[in-house]
Protein backbone atom coordinates (compact mmCIF):
# COMPACT_ATOMS: atom_id res chain seq x y z
CA MET A 1 28.27 46.28 58.45
CA GLY A 2 30.54 42.93 58.40
CA GLN A 3 34.63 42.92 58.69
CA PHE A 4 35.96 41.48 55.19
CA ARG A 5 39.34 41.34 53.61
CA LYS A 6 41.60 40.31 51.35
CA PHE A 7 45.16 39.10 51.87
CA LYS A 8 48.12 37.44 49.88
CA LEU A 9 50.17 34.48 51.79
CA ALA A 10 54.44 34.66 51.19
CA THR A 11 55.41 31.34 49.74
CA HIS A 12 59.07 29.99 50.38
CA ALA A 13 59.94 27.57 47.89
CA ASP A 14 62.90 25.38 46.77
CA ASP A 15 63.75 22.44 44.82
CA ARG A 16 62.32 20.58 47.70
CA PHE A 17 58.70 22.17 48.49
CA SER A 18 56.37 25.35 48.92
CA LEU A 19 55.97 26.64 51.97
CA THR A 20 53.07 28.89 52.77
CA PRO A 21 52.94 29.87 56.56
CA LEU A 22 49.71 31.77 58.16
CA GLU A 23 50.98 34.45 61.11
CA VAL A 24 47.89 33.61 62.86
CA LYS A 25 48.89 36.71 65.67
CA GLU A 26 49.29 39.33 62.78
CA GLN A 27 46.20 38.37 60.36
CA LEU A 28 43.52 36.78 62.58
CA ASP A 29 41.40 38.27 65.30
CA PHE A 30 40.11 34.84 66.96
CA ILE A 31 41.66 31.87 68.59
CA ILE A 32 41.09 29.10 65.48
CA LYS A 33 38.72 26.11 67.71
CA ARG A 34 37.48 24.46 64.35
CA VAL A 35 39.76 23.37 61.03
CA TYR A 36 38.44 22.10 57.60
CA ALA A 37 39.23 21.73 54.33
CA ILE A 38 36.61 22.26 51.47
CA THR A 39 38.00 20.23 48.34
CA GLN A 40 36.72 18.51 45.15
CA GLY A 41 34.34 21.81 44.49
CA LYS A 42 31.97 21.40 41.66
CA LYS A 43 29.43 23.42 42.29
CA PRO A 44 28.53 26.45 44.73
CA THR A 45 28.43 26.12 48.52
CA GLY A 46 25.65 27.31 50.50
CA SER A 47 25.27 31.04 50.68
CA HIS A 48 24.98 32.64 54.38
CA CYS A 49 26.57 34.63 57.02
CA HIS A 50 27.61 33.98 60.48
CA LYS A 51 26.04 36.46 63.53
CA VAL A 52 29.01 35.42 65.46
CA GLU A 53 31.40 32.96 63.85
CA ARG A 54 34.94 34.20 62.18
CA GLU A 55 36.66 32.62 59.49
CA CYS A 56 39.41 32.80 57.24
CA PHE A 57 39.56 31.04 54.47
CA ILE A 58 42.34 29.99 52.42
CA CYS A 59 43.66 28.97 48.95
CA PHE A 60 46.32 26.61 48.63
CA GLN A 61 45.93 25.19 45.74
CA GLY A 62 43.81 25.70 42.32
CA GLY A 63 41.15 29.38 42.73
CA VAL A 64 37.47 29.77 42.96
CA THR A 65 35.08 33.04 43.98
CA ALA A 66 34.42 34.37 46.74
CA ALA A 67 30.76 36.06 46.36
CA ILE A 68 30.98 38.04 49.38
CA ASP A 69 28.61 41.36 50.98
CA ASP A 70 29.62 42.93 53.49
CA GLY A 71 27.08 45.35 53.50
CA SER A 72 27.71 47.25 50.46
CA GLY A 73 26.61 44.78 47.58
CA LEU A 74 27.15 41.31 47.03
CA LYS A 75 30.53 40.85 44.80
CA ASP A 76 33.02 38.11 43.13
CA VAL A 77 36.55 38.20 44.77
CA PRO A 78 38.74 35.88 42.87
CA LEU A 79 41.05 33.38 45.18
CA GLN A 80 44.16 32.29 43.48
CA ALA A 81 46.64 29.68 45.74
CA GLY A 82 48.36 31.74 48.39
CA GLU A 83 46.13 34.06 49.27
CA ALA A 84 43.32 34.59 51.93
CA ILE A 85 39.72 36.10 52.91
CA TYR A 86 39.04 36.98 56.28
CA VAL A 87 34.78 36.84 57.11
CA GLY A 88 34.00 38.08 60.22
CA PRO A 89 30.13 38.48 61.47
CA TYR A 90 27.66 39.51 59.31
CA VAL A 91 29.43 39.27 55.92
CA TRP A 92 27.02 37.34 53.54
CA HIS A 93 29.89 34.52 51.84
CA HIS A 94 29.44 31.45 49.56
CA PHE A 95 32.10 29.78 47.34
CA LYS A 96 31.19 29.08 43.66
CA ASP A 97 33.60 28.83 40.27
CA TRP A 98 35.81 25.96 41.26
CA ALA A 99 39.32 25.19 39.68
CA PRO A 100 39.92 21.57 39.42
CA ASN A 101 41.65 19.93 42.21
CA THR A 102 41.17 23.28 44.44
CA VAL A 103 41.84 23.06 47.92
CA LEU A 104 40.02 25.52 50.32
CA VAL A 105 41.03 25.95 54.38
CA ALA A 106 38.93 27.31 56.69
CA LEU A 107 39.58 28.67 60.13
CA SER A 108 37.06 29.00 62.23
CA SER A 109 36.42 30.65 65.43
CA THR A 110 33.88 28.60 66.73
CA THR A 111 32.98 24.67 67.20
CA TYR A 112 31.28 23.03 65.10
CA ASN A 113 27.01 23.22 66.00
CA PRO A 114 24.60 21.05 63.70
CA GLN A 115 21.59 23.50 65.11
CA ARG A 116 22.92 26.30 62.81
CA GLU A 117 21.88 28.79 64.98
CA ASP A 118 24.56 31.32 63.78
CA TYR A 119 23.56 31.27 60.93
CA ILE A 120 21.41 33.62 58.31
CA ASN A 121 20.40 32.25 55.39
CA ASP A 122 17.85 34.26 53.99
CA TYR A 123 19.58 36.77 51.73
CA GLN A 124 16.58 39.28 52.09
CA GLU A 125 16.59 39.11 55.83
CA PHE A 126 20.69 39.74 55.80
CA LYS A 127 19.80 43.28 53.40
CA ARG A 128 17.36 44.47 55.71
CA LEU A 129 20.06 43.85 58.72
CA ALA A 130 22.96 45.59 56.52
CA ILE A 131 20.16 48.96 56.11
CA SER A 132 19.53 48.50 59.64
CA SER A 133 22.78 48.67 60.92
CA ARG A 134 24.08 51.50 57.96
CA THR A 135 21.08 53.20 59.50
CA ILE A 136 21.81 52.68 63.28
CA SER A 137 26.03 53.21 61.95
CA VAL A 138 24.85 56.92 60.71
CA ARG A 139 22.54 57.97 63.49
CA SER A 140 25.44 56.97 66.23
CA ARG A 141 28.44 59.39 64.25
CA THR A 142 25.56 62.21 63.86
CA LEU A 143 25.12 61.81 67.41
CA ALA A 144 28.58 61.81 68.53
CA THR A 145 29.60 64.61 66.50
CA LYS A 146 26.97 66.36 67.69
CA THR A 147 27.86 65.64 71.27
CA ALA A 148 31.20 66.65 70.39
CA TYR A 149 30.20 69.91 69.30
CA GLY A 150 28.02 70.71 72.20
CA LEU A 151 30.93 70.06 74.67
CA ARG A 152 33.65 71.56 72.61
CA ASP A 153 31.18 74.67 72.83
CA ALA A 154 30.18 74.59 75.95
CA ALA A 155 34.24 73.96 76.97
CA LEU A 156 34.61 77.69 75.12
CA ALA A 157 31.43 79.34 76.71
CA VAL A 158 33.23 78.37 80.22
CA THR A 159 36.58 79.95 79.42
CA GLY A 160 35.26 82.30 77.90
CA GLN A 161 36.51 82.24 74.60
CA LYS A 162 33.29 81.78 73.41
């Protein structure tokens, strides 16, 4: 249903400091409009998905578990320092199991909207949408396949090869 991926960031270290860059053009498919940090995590964040917003979460320090459902079922995705996840629209997510002193930075494709019109907060509603989306996707692929075979057969008939 939604697009999700985990990736590792390169870290360059010497005796002065460690540097962990994110190559935005290579890793993200959106313009960053908002950046925020989640620190001092003790309890799970709110579970939700977005209809439009795309996010990238980067663990810069410590570790945390991302609970993710991209339409294929809920799974835990551990994040350690130097790892990141891309969370596209319609990917259910929240964070839990915070290690002490974890710093999780979020890059967002949207500005903050206090009305939360972009959010789906009900997991059952999300699952209904996921099932509906999979059904539509299968039907679309089936129709595309039938159309392709139909065009092939028509072309073969016109050229006398069928």
